[in-house]
Amino acid sequence: MLVVVGSMAVKPGMREEVLEVSTRMAVASRAEAGCISYRFFSSLEEPDTIFAFEEWESEEALAFHFQTDHMKEFRSRLPGFMATKIIEVKRYDIQAVAPLRF
């Protein structure tokens, strides 16, 4: 399984538009073969910081995702939303998943 986690700071006044565009992106992405989960979240401390959390079954599913029309549209809209030029995105290759008991 692959996990992709990202964050970006949103320009003041753009939060609602970002949430609308991100919601459409998440719905379209979750319909893709190989997508386990695809969600956006906002920070409790900094509401204009948006996080993405994705889980993919395989490298091939993630590669296909990057070629979809909804991903291309989303990426073309990002610069207009960003408060900085930096988007932090990390990919994790997961070997095993188990419930955390505490």
PDB file of N, CA and C in Angstrom:
ATOM      1  N   MET A   1       0.839  -1.166   0.000  1.00  0.00           N
ATOM      2  CA  MET A   1       0.000   0.000   0.000  1.00  0.00           C
ATOM      3  C   MET A   1       0.892   1.240   0.000  1.00  0.00           C
ATOM      4  N   LEU A   2       0.434   2.264  -0.699  1.00  0.00           N
ATOM      5  CA  LEU A   2       1.118   3.550  -0.709  1.00  0.00           C
ATOM      6  C   LEU A   2       0.234   4.571  -0.005  1.00  0.00           C
ATOM      7  N   VAL A   3       0.855   5.415   0.812  1.00  0.00           N
ATOM      8  CA  VAL A   3       0.156   6.510   1.468  1.00  0.00           C
ATOM      9  C   VAL A   3       0.811   7.800   1.009  1.00  0.00           C
ATOM     10  N   VAL A   4      -0.020   8.759   0.617  1.00  0.00           N
ATOM     11  CA  VAL A   4       0.457  10.082   0.203  1.00  0.00           C
ATOM     12  C   VAL A   4      -0.161  11.098   1.153  1.00  0.00           C
ATOM     13  N   VAL A   5       0.697  11.946   1.728  1.00  0.00           N
ATOM     14  CA  VAL A   5       0.254  12.973   2.661  1.00  0.00           C
ATOM     15  C   VAL A   5       0.822  14.306   2.184  1.00  0.00           C
ATOM     16  N   GLY A   6      -0.051  15.306   2.107  1.00  0.00           N
ATOM     17  CA  GLY A   6       0.404  16.617   1.661  1.00  0.00           C
ATOM     18  C   GLY A   6      -0.249  17.726   2.449  1.00  0.00           C
ATOM     19  N   SER A   7       0.361  18.909   2.378  1.00  0.00           N
ATOM     20  CA  SER A   7      -0.233  20.082   3.027  1.00  0.00           C
ATOM     21  C   SER A   7       0.125  21.326   2.234  1.00  0.00           C
ATOM     22  N   MET A   8      -0.770  22.321   2.326  1.00  0.00           N
ATOM     23  CA  MET A   8      -0.497  23.602   1.702  1.00  0.00           C
ATOM     24  C   MET A   8      -1.208  24.695   2.479  1.00  0.00           C
ATOM     25  N   ALA A   9      -0.597  25.875   2.470  1.00  0.00           N
ATOM     26  CA  ALA A   9      -1.212  27.061   3.053  1.00  0.00           C
ATOM     27  C   ALA A   9      -2.035  27.734   1.962  1.00  0.00           C
ATOM     28  N   VAL A  10      -3.269  28.074   2.289  1.00  0.00           N
ATOM     29  CA  VAL A  10      -4.198  28.652   1.340  1.00  0.00           C
ATOM     30  C   VAL A  10      -4.227  30.172   1.505  1.00  0.00           C
ATOM     31  N   LYS A  11      -4.342  30.881   0.395  1.00  0.00           N
ATOM     32  CA  LYS A  11      -4.448  32.341   0.438  1.00  0.00           C
ATOM     33  C   LYS A  11      -5.662  32.751   1.266  1.00  0.00           C
ATOM     34  N   PRO A  12      -5.543  33.842   2.012  1.00  0.00           N
ATOM     35  CA  PRO A  12      -6.698  34.340   2.766  1.00  0.00           C
ATOM     36  C   PRO A  12      -7.889  34.580   1.826  1.00  0.00           C
ATOM     37  N   GLY A  13      -9.057  34.163   2.282  1.00  0.00           N
ATOM     38  CA  GLY A  13     -10.261  34.350   1.501  1.00  0.00           C
ATOM     39  C   GLY A  13     -10.523  33.264   0.466  1.00  0.00           C
ATOM     40  N   MET A  14      -9.617  32.320   0.288  1.00  0.00           N
ATOM     41  CA  MET A  14      -9.751  31.268  -0.731  1.00  0.00           C
ATOM     42  C   MET A  14     -10.197  29.934  -0.139  1.00  0.00           C
ATOM     43  N   ARG A  15     -10.315  29.843   1.178  1.00  0.00           N
ATOM     44  CA  ARG A  15     -10.579  28.563   1.830  1.00  0.00           C
ATOM     45  C   ARG A  15     -11.829  27.869   1.283  1.00  0.00           C
ATOM     46  N   GLU A  16     -12.932  28.575   1.170  1.00  0.00           N
ATOM     47  CA  GLU A  16     -14.180  27.953   0.713  1.00  0.00           C
ATOM     48  C   GLU A  16     -14.052  27.411  -0.709  1.00  0.00           C
ATOM     49  N   GLU A  17     -13.399  28.159  -1.589  1.00  0.00           N
ATOM     50  CA  GLU A  17     -13.205  27.686  -2.964  1.00  0.00           C
ATOM     51  C   GLU A  17     -12.305  26.457  -2.986  1.00  0.00           C
ATOM     52  N   VAL A  18     -11.262  26.479  -2.175  1.00  0.00           N
ATOM     53  CA  VAL A  18     -10.358  25.326  -2.088  1.00  0.00           C
ATOM     54  C   VAL A  18     -11.121  24.094  -1.597  1.00  0.00           C
ATOM     55  N   LEU A  19     -11.970  24.275  -0.598  1.00  0.00           N
ATOM     56  CA  LEU A  19     -12.734  23.136  -0.082  1.00  0.00           C
ATOM     57  C   LEU A  19     -13.684  22.589  -1.134  1.00  0.00           C
ATOM     58  N   GLU A  20     -14.287  23.454  -1.926  1.00  0.00           N
ATOM     59  CA  GLU A  20     -15.187  23.006  -2.993  1.00  0.00           C
ATOM     60  C   GLU A  20     -14.432  22.205  -4.056  1.00  0.00           C
ATOM     61  N   VAL A  21     -13.323  22.745  -4.513  1.00  0.00           N
ATOM     62  CA  VAL A  21     -12.512  22.073  -5.544  1.00  0.00           C
ATOM     63  C   VAL A  21     -11.929  20.771  -4.987  1.00  0.00           C
ATOM     64  N   SER A  22     -11.477  20.793  -3.751  1.00  0.00           N
ATOM     65  CA  SER A  22     -10.896  19.605  -3.124  1.00  0.00           C
ATOM     66  C   SER A  22     -11.934  18.509  -2.933  1.00  0.00           C
ATOM     67  N   THR A  23     -13.152  18.887  -2.598  1.00  0.00           N
ATOM     68  CA  THR A  23     -14.213  17.899  -2.436  1.00  0.00           C
ATOM     69  C   THR A  23     -14.495  17.196  -3.757  1.00  0.00           C
ATOM     70  N   ARG A  24     -14.575  17.949  -4.851  1.00  0.00           N
ATOM     71  CA  ARG A  24     -14.785  17.327  -6.170  1.00  0.00           C
ATOM     72  C   ARG A  24     -13.623  16.399  -6.507  1.00  0.00           C
ATOM     73  N   MET A  25     -12.410  16.826  -6.195  1.00  0.00           N
ATOM     74  CA  MET A  25     -11.217  16.022  -6.460  1.00  0.00           C
ATOM     75  C   MET A  25     -11.276  14.713  -5.662  1.00  0.00           C
ATOM     76  N   ALA A  26     -11.644  14.805  -4.394  1.00  0.00           N
ATOM     77  CA  ALA A  26     -11.691  13.614  -3.543  1.00  0.00           C
ATOM     78  C   ALA A  26     -12.744  12.622  -4.034  1.00  0.00           C
ATOM     79  N   VAL A  27     -13.916  13.110  -4.395  1.00  0.00           N
ATOM     80  CA  VAL A  27     -14.987  12.221  -4.868  1.00  0.00           C
ATOM     81  C   VAL A  27     -14.554  11.503  -6.143  1.00  0.00           C
ATOM     82  N   ALA A  28     -13.980  12.245  -7.095  1.00  0.00           N
ATOM     83  CA  ALA A  28     -13.527  11.633  -8.353  1.00  0.00           C
ATOM     84  C   ALA A  28     -12.397  10.638  -8.099  1.00  0.00           C
ATOM     85  N   SER A  29     -11.484  10.968  -7.213  1.00  0.00           N
ATOM     86  CA  SER A  29     -10.345  10.096  -6.933  1.00  0.00           C
ATOM     87  C   SER A  29     -10.781   8.808  -6.247  1.00  0.00           C
ATOM     88  N   ARG A  30     -11.732   8.895  -5.309  1.00  0.00           N
ATOM     89  CA  ARG A  30     -12.206   7.692  -4.616  1.00  0.00           C
ATOM     90  C   ARG A  30     -12.903   6.718  -5.563  1.00  0.00           C
ATOM     91  N   ALA A  31     -13.370   7.203  -6.708  1.00  0.00           N
ATOM     92  CA  ALA A  31     -14.017   6.335  -7.697  1.00  0.00           C
ATOM     93  C   ALA A  31     -13.000   5.580  -8.554  1.00  0.00           C
ATOM     94  N   GLU A  32     -11.721   5.931  -8.459  1.00  0.00           N
ATOM     95  CA  GLU A  32     -10.682   5.274  -9.258  1.00  0.00           C
ATOM     96  C   GLU A  32     -10.375   3.874  -8.727  1.00  0.00           C
ATOM     97  N   ALA A  33     -10.083   2.972  -9.651  1.00  0.00           N
ATOM     98  CA  ALA A  33      -9.626   1.641  -9.260  1.00  0.00           C
ATOM     99  C   ALA A  33      -8.314   1.785  -8.492  1.00  0.00           C
ATOM    100  N   GLY A  34      -8.206   1.090  -7.383  1.00  0.00           N
ATOM    101  CA  GLY A  34      -6.970   1.107  -6.611  1.00  0.00           C
ATOM    102  C   GLY A  34      -6.906   2.177  -5.535  1.00  0.00           C
ATOM    103  N   CYS A  35      -7.904   3.057  -5.467  1.00  0.00           N
ATOM    104  CA  CYS A  35      -7.935   4.062  -4.412  1.00  0.00           C
ATOM    105  C   CYS A  35      -8.613   3.472  -3.186  1.00  0.00           C
ATOM    106  N   ILE A  36      -7.900   3.443  -2.086  1.00  0.00           N
ATOM    107  CA  ILE A  36      -8.452   2.937  -0.829  1.00  0.00           C
ATOM    108  C   ILE A  36      -9.150   4.064  -0.082  1.00  0.00           C
ATOM    109  N   SER A  37      -8.502   5.218  -0.009  1.00  0.00           N
ATOM    110  CA  SER A  37      -9.115   6.398   0.609  1.00  0.00           C
ATOM    111  C   SER A  37      -8.471   7.652   0.039  1.00  0.00           C
ATOM    112  N   TYR A  38      -9.240   8.746   0.075  1.00  0.00           N
ATOM    113  CA  TYR A  38      -8.755  10.026  -0.457  1.00  0.00           C
ATOM    114  C   TYR A  38      -9.539  11.108   0.265  1.00  0.00           C
ATOM    115  N   ARG A  39      -8.878  11.843   1.135  1.00  0.00           N
ATOM    116  CA  ARG A  39      -9.548  12.831   1.980  1.00  0.00           C
ATOM    117  C   ARG A  39      -8.715  14.113   2.090  1.00  0.00           C
ATOM    118  N   PHE A  40      -9.427  15.208   2.277  1.00  0.00           N
ATOM    119  CA  PHE A  40      -8.804  16.486   2.603  1.00  0.00           C
ATOM    120  C   PHE A  40      -9.282  16.896   3.988  1.00  0.00           C
ATOM    121  N   PHE A  41      -8.397  17.578   4.728  1.00  0.00           N
ATOM    122  CA  PHE A  41      -8.692  18.046   6.076  1.00  0.00           C
ATOM    123  C   PHE A  41      -8.116  19.450   6.238  1.00  0.00           C
ATOM    124  N   SER A  42      -8.666  20.201   7.188  1.00  0.00           N
ATOM    125  CA  SER A  42      -8.066  21.486   7.509  1.00  0.00           C
ATOM    126  C   SER A  42      -7.539  21.441   8.941  1.00  0.00           C
ATOM    127  N   SER A  43      -6.533  22.246   9.197  1.00  0.00           N
ATOM    128  CA  SER A  43      -5.904  22.297  10.505  1.00  0.00           C
ATOM    129  C   SER A  43      -6.832  22.960  11.527  1.00  0.00           C
ATOM    130  N   LEU A  44      -6.870  22.424  12.733  1.00  0.00           N
ATOM    131  CA  LEU A  44      -7.637  23.047  13.800  1.00  0.00           C
ATOM    132  C   LEU A  44      -7.002  24.356  14.254  1.00  0.00           C
ATOM    133  N   GLU A  45      -5.674  24.409  14.242  1.00  0.00           N
ATOM    134  CA  GLU A  45      -4.967  25.607  14.687  1.00  0.00           C
ATOM    135  C   GLU A  45      -4.840  26.659  13.594  1.00  0.00           C
ATOM    136  N   GLU A  46      -4.729  26.224  12.365  1.00  0.00           N
ATOM    137  CA  GLU A  46      -4.542  27.129  11.228  1.00  0.00           C
ATOM    138  C   GLU A  46      -5.542  26.745  10.145  1.00  0.00           C
ATOM    139  N   PRO A  47      -6.775  27.269  10.183  1.00  0.00           N
ATOM    140  CA  PRO A  47      -7.830  26.849   9.244  1.00  0.00           C
ATOM    141  C   PRO A  47      -7.476  27.027   7.767  1.00  0.00           C
ATOM    142  N   ASP A  48      -6.514  27.876   7.461  1.00  0.00           N
ATOM    143  CA  ASP A  48      -6.108  28.060   6.070  1.00  0.00           C
ATOM    144  C   ASP A  48      -4.987  27.104   5.655  1.00  0.00           C
ATOM    145  N   THR A  49      -4.705  26.106   6.476  1.00  0.00           N
ATOM    146  CA  THR A  49      -3.780  25.037   6.098  1.00  0.00           C
ATOM    147  C   THR A  49      -4.617  23.795   5.808  1.00  0.00           C
ATOM    148  N   ILE A  50      -4.464  23.287   4.587  1.00  0.00           N
ATOM    149  CA  ILE A  50      -5.241  22.138   4.129  1.00  0.00           C
ATOM    150  C   ILE A  50      -4.307  20.936   3.971  1.00  0.00           C
ATOM    151  N   PHE A  51      -4.772  19.777   4.446  1.00  0.00           N
ATOM    152  CA  PHE A  51      -4.007  18.544   4.352  1.00  0.00           C
ATOM    153  C   PHE A  51      -4.725  17.564   3.424  1.00  0.00           C
ATOM    154  N   ALA A  52      -3.958  16.770   2.700  1.00  0.00           N
ATOM    155  CA  ALA A  52      -4.483  15.681   1.880  1.00  0.00           C
ATOM    156  C   ALA A  52      -3.949  14.379   2.444  1.00  0.00           C
ATOM    157  N   PHE A  53      -4.798  13.355   2.465  1.00  0.00           N
ATOM    158  CA  PHE A  53      -4.403  12.022   2.915  1.00  0.00           C
ATOM    159  C   PHE A  53      -4.975  11.020   1.924  1.00  0.00           C
ATOM    160  N   GLU A  54      -4.098  10.245   1.304  1.00  0.00           N
ATOM    161  CA  GLU A  54      -4.501   9.280   0.272  1.00  0.00           C
ATOM    162  C   GLU A  54      -3.901   7.914   0.580  1.00  0.00           C
ATOM    163  N   GLU A  55      -4.659   6.860   0.269  1.00  0.00           N
ATOM    164  CA  GLU A  55      -4.154   5.493   0.347  1.00  0.00           C
ATOM    165  C   GLU A  55      -4.417   4.825  -0.990  1.00  0.00           C
ATOM    166  N   TRP A  56      -3.387   4.179  -1.534  1.00  0.00           N
ATOM    167  CA  TRP A  56      -3.472   3.524  -2.852  1.00  0.00           C
ATOM    168  C   TRP A  56      -3.020   2.075  -2.723  1.00  0.00           C
ATOM    169  N   GLU A  57      -3.678   1.211  -3.490  1.00  0.00           N
ATOM    170  CA  GLU A  57      -3.337  -0.213  -3.469  1.00  0.00           C
ATOM    171  C   GLU A  57      -1.980  -0.505  -4.092  1.00  0.00           C
ATOM    172  N   SER A  58      -1.575   0.304  -5.091  1.00  0.00           N
ATOM    173  CA  SER A  58      -0.352  -0.035  -5.825  1.00  0.00           C
ATOM    174  C   SER A  58       0.259   1.197  -6.483  1.00  0.00           C
ATOM    175  N   GLU A  59       1.488   1.004  -6.915  1.00  0.00           N
ATOM    176  CA  GLU A  59       2.206   2.026  -7.688  1.00  0.00           C
ATOM    177  C   GLU A  59       1.455   2.340  -8.979  1.00  0.00           C
ATOM    178  N   GLU A  60       0.914   1.312  -9.604  1.00  0.00           N
ATOM    179  CA  GLU A  60       0.188   1.492 -10.873  1.00  0.00           C
ATOM    180  C   GLU A  60      -1.074   2.339 -10.671  1.00  0.00           C
ATOM    181  N   ALA A  61      -1.787   2.102  -9.584  1.00  0.00           N
ATOM    182  CA  ALA A  61      -3.000   2.890  -9.303  1.00  0.00           C
ATOM    183  C   ALA A  61      -2.652   4.355  -9.076  1.00  0.00           C
ATOM    184  N   LEU A  62      -1.575   4.615  -8.347  1.00  0.00           N
ATOM    185  CA  LEU A  62      -1.149   5.995  -8.114  1.00  0.00           C
ATOM    186  C   LEU A  62      -0.687   6.648  -9.407  1.00  0.00           C
ATOM    187  N   ALA A  63       0.047   5.921 -10.232  1.00  0.00           N
ATOM    188  CA  ALA A  63       0.511   6.468 -11.513  1.00  0.00           C
ATOM    189  C   ALA A  63      -0.680   6.808 -12.411  1.00  0.00           C
ATOM    190  N   PHE A  64      -1.688   5.943 -12.433  1.00  0.00           N
ATOM    191  CA  PHE A  64      -2.893   6.231 -13.216  1.00  0.00           C
ATOM    192  C   PHE A  64      -3.582   7.492 -12.700  1.00  0.00           C
ATOM    193  N   HIS A  65      -3.645   7.634 -11.383  1.00  0.00           N
ATOM    194  CA  HIS A  65      -4.268   8.806 -10.748  1.00  0.00           C
ATOM    195  C   HIS A  65      -3.650  10.108 -11.264  1.00  0.00           C
ATOM    196  N   PHE A  66      -2.334  10.125 -11.392  1.00  0.00           N
ATOM    197  CA  PHE A  66      -1.654  11.343 -11.847  1.00  0.00           C
ATOM    198  C   PHE A  66      -1.973  11.686 -13.300  1.00  0.00           C
ATOM    199  N   GLN A  67      -2.516  10.743 -14.051  1.00  0.00           N
ATOM    200  CA  GLN A  67      -2.850  10.985 -15.460  1.00  0.00           C
ATOM    201  C   GLN A  67      -4.325  11.339 -15.683  1.00  0.00           C
ATOM    202  N   THR A  68      -5.141  11.315 -14.634  1.00  0.00           N
ATOM    203  CA  THR A  68      -6.571  11.574 -14.796  1.00  0.00           C
ATOM    204  C   THR A  68      -6.850  13.051 -15.069  1.00  0.00           C
ATOM    205  N   ASP A  69      -7.971  13.299 -15.719  1.00  0.00           N
ATOM    206  CA  ASP A  69      -8.363  14.678 -16.012  1.00  0.00           C
ATOM    207  C   ASP A  69      -8.625  15.479 -14.745  1.00  0.00           C
ATOM    208  N   HIS A  70      -9.228  14.846 -13.734  1.00  0.00           N
ATOM    209  CA  HIS A  70      -9.505  15.603 -12.511  1.00  0.00           C
ATOM    210  C   HIS A  70      -8.214  15.977 -11.778  1.00  0.00           C
ATOM    211  N   MET A  71      -7.183  15.142 -11.850  1.00  0.00           N
ATOM    212  CA  MET A  71      -5.902  15.489 -11.240  1.00  0.00           C
ATOM    213  C   MET A  71      -5.235  16.625 -12.012  1.00  0.00           C
ATOM    214  N   LYS A  72      -5.285  16.550 -13.332  1.00  0.00           N
ATOM    215  CA  LYS A  72      -4.691  17.617 -14.145  1.00  0.00           C
ATOM    216  C   LYS A  72      -5.378  18.952 -13.869  1.00  0.00           C
ATOM    217  N   GLU A  73      -6.708  18.930 -13.780  1.00  0.00           N
ATOM    218  CA  GLU A  73      -7.438  20.165 -13.479  1.00  0.00           C
ATOM    219  C   GLU A  73      -7.084  20.688 -12.091  1.00  0.00           C
ATOM    220  N   PHE A  74      -7.047  19.790 -11.103  1.00  0.00           N
ATOM    221  CA  PHE A  74      -6.716  20.179  -9.732  1.00  0.00           C
ATOM    222  C   PHE A  74      -5.334  20.831  -9.673  1.00  0.00           C
ATOM    223  N   ARG A  75      -4.353  20.193 -10.310  1.00  0.00           N
ATOM    224  CA  ARG A  75      -2.987  20.740 -10.299  1.00  0.00           C
ATOM    225  C   ARG A  75      -2.906  22.088 -11.000  1.00  0.00           C
ATOM    226  N   SER A  76      -3.722  22.292 -12.022  1.00  0.00           N
ATOM    227  CA  SER A  76      -3.693  23.587 -12.721  1.00  0.00           C
ATOM    228  C   SER A  76      -4.300  24.692 -11.854  1.00  0.00           C
ATOM    229  N   ARG A  77      -5.180  24.337 -10.923  1.00  0.00           N
ATOM    230  CA  ARG A  77      -5.831  25.315 -10.049  1.00  0.00           C
ATOM    231  C   ARG A  77      -5.000  25.632  -8.809  1.00  0.00           C
ATOM    232  N   LEU A  78      -4.102  24.738  -8.416  1.00  0.00           N
ATOM    233  CA  LEU A  78      -3.344  24.915  -7.174  1.00  0.00           C
ATOM    234  C   LEU A  78      -2.617  26.251  -7.053  1.00  0.00           C
ATOM    235  N   PRO A  79      -1.883  26.703  -8.065  1.00  0.00           N
ATOM    236  CA  PRO A  79      -1.145  27.960  -7.888  1.00  0.00           C
ATOM    237  C   PRO A  79      -2.037  29.140  -7.502  1.00  0.00           C
ATOM    238  N   GLY A  80      -3.266  29.162  -7.956  1.00  0.00           N
ATOM    239  CA  GLY A  80      -4.172  30.247  -7.608  1.00  0.00           C
ATOM    240  C   GLY A  80      -4.644  30.211  -6.169  1.00  0.00           C
ATOM    241  N   PHE A  81      -4.505  29.065  -5.500  1.00  0.00           N
ATOM    242  CA  PHE A  81      -4.948  28.903  -4.120  1.00  0.00           C
ATOM    243  C   PHE A  81      -3.840  29.101  -3.089  1.00  0.00           C
ATOM    244  N   MET A  82      -2.617  28.874  -3.481  1.00  0.00           N
ATOM    245  CA  MET A  82      -1.516  28.747  -2.535  1.00  0.00           C
ATOM    246  C   MET A  82      -1.020  30.088  -2.009  1.00  0.00           C
ATOM    247  N   ALA A  83      -0.846  30.156  -0.691  1.00  0.00           N
ATOM    248  CA  ALA A  83      -0.294  31.349  -0.055  1.00  0.00           C
ATOM    249  C   ALA A  83       1.227  31.399  -0.220  1.00  0.00           C
ATOM    250  N   THR A  84       1.842  30.241  -0.408  1.00  0.00           N
ATOM    251  CA  THR A  84       3.284  30.155  -0.651  1.00  0.00           C
ATOM    252  C   THR A  84       3.504  29.254  -1.858  1.00  0.00           C
ATOM    253  N   LYS A  85       4.714  29.231  -2.356  1.00  0.00           N
ATOM    254  CA  LYS A  85       5.022  28.380  -3.505  1.00  0.00           C
ATOM    255  C   LYS A  85       5.352  26.957  -3.094  1.00  0.00           C
ATOM    256  N   ILE A  86       5.267  26.687  -1.801  1.00  0.00           N
ATOM    257  CA  ILE A  86       5.673  25.379  -1.278  1.00  0.00           C
ATOM    258  C   ILE A  86       4.443  24.535  -0.949  1.00  0.00           C
ATOM    259  N   ILE A  87       4.391  23.354  -1.536  1.00  0.00           N
ATOM    260  CA  ILE A  87       3.438  22.315  -1.143  1.00  0.00           C
ATOM    261  C   ILE A  87       4.295  21.160  -0.651  1.00  0.00           C
ATOM    262  N   GLU A  88       4.021  20.736   0.545  1.00  0.00           N
ATOM    263  CA  GLU A  88       4.786  19.616   1.084  1.00  0.00           C
ATOM    264  C   GLU A  88       4.010  18.332   0.845  1.00  0.00           C
ATOM    265  N   VAL A  89       4.594  17.410   0.104  1.00  0.00           N
ATOM    266  CA  VAL A  89       3.951  16.124  -0.187  1.00  0.00           C
ATOM    267  C   VAL A  89       4.960  15.015   0.078  1.00  0.00           C
ATOM    268  N   LYS A  90       4.520  14.010   0.808  1.00  0.00           N
ATOM    269  CA  LYS A  90       5.371  12.854   1.093  1.00  0.00           C
ATOM    270  C   LYS A  90       4.633  11.582   0.718  1.00  0.00           C
ATOM    271  N   ARG A  91       5.393  10.616   0.285  1.00  0.00           N
ATOM    272  CA  ARG A  91       4.865   9.298  -0.077  1.00  0.00           C
ATOM    273  C   ARG A  91       5.483   8.274   0.860  1.00  0.00           C
ATOM    274  N   TYR A  92       4.636   7.390   1.360  1.00  0.00           N
ATOM    275  CA  TYR A  92       5.084   6.336   2.256  1.00  0.00           C
ATOM    276  C   TYR A  92       4.731   4.983   1.640  1.00  0.00           C
ATOM    277  N   ASP A  93       5.701   4.079   1.577  1.00  0.00           N
ATOM    278  CA  ASP A  93       5.470   2.710   1.135  1.00  0.00           C
ATOM    279  C   ASP A  93       5.223   1.873   2.389  1.00  0.00           C
ATOM    280  N   ILE A  94       4.012   1.363   2.520  1.00  0.00           N
ATOM    281  CA  ILE A  94       3.602   0.658   3.727  1.00  0.00           C
ATOM    282  C   ILE A  94       3.683  -0.849   3.485  1.00  0.00           C
ATOM    283  N   GLN A  95       4.366  -1.538   4.367  1.00  0.00           N
ATOM    284  CA  GLN A  95       4.526  -2.988   4.237  1.00  0.00           C
ATOM    285  C   GLN A  95       3.455  -3.763   4.987  1.00  0.00           C
ATOM    286  N   ALA A  96       2.964  -3.205   6.078  1.00  0.00           N
ATOM    287  CA  ALA A  96       1.951  -3.903   6.879  1.00  0.00           C
ATOM    288  C   ALA A  96       1.056  -2.879   7.554  1.00  0.00           C
ATOM    289  N   VAL A  97      -0.200  -3.246   7.728  1.00  0.00           N
ATOM    290  CA  VAL A  97      -1.176  -2.386   8.401  1.00  0.00           C
ATOM    291  C   VAL A  97      -1.905  -3.250   9.424  1.00  0.00           C
ATOM    292  N   ALA A  98      -2.011  -2.740  10.639  1.00  0.00           N
ATOM    293  CA  ALA A  98      -2.718  -3.448  11.706  1.00  0.00           C
ATOM    294  C   ALA A  98      -3.358  -2.426  12.635  1.00  0.00           C
ATOM    295  N   PRO A  99      -4.425  -2.811  13.300  1.00  0.00           N
ATOM    296  CA  PRO A  99      -5.049  -1.893  14.242  1.00  0.00           C
ATOM    297  C   PRO A  99      -4.080  -1.526  15.376  1.00  0.00           C
ATOM    298  N   LEU A 100      -4.153  -0.314  15.816  1.00  0.00           N
ATOM    299  CA  LEU A 100      -3.346   0.146  16.951  1.00  0.00           C
ATOM    300  C   LEU A 100      -4.178  -0.040  18.211  1.00  0.00           C
ATOM    301  N   ARG A 101      -3.668  -0.817  19.115  1.00  0.00           N
ATOM    302  CA  ARG A 101      -4.381  -1.063  20.369  1.00  0.00           C
ATOM    303  C   ARG A 101      -3.664  -0.300  21.475  1.00  0.00           C
ATOM    304  N   PHE A 102      -4.446   0.448  22.224  1.00  0.00           N
ATOM    305  CA  PHE A 102      -3.845   1.195  23.339  1.00  0.00           C
ATOM    306  C   PHE A 102      -4.767   1.219  24.536  1.00  0.00           C
TER     307      PHE A 102
END
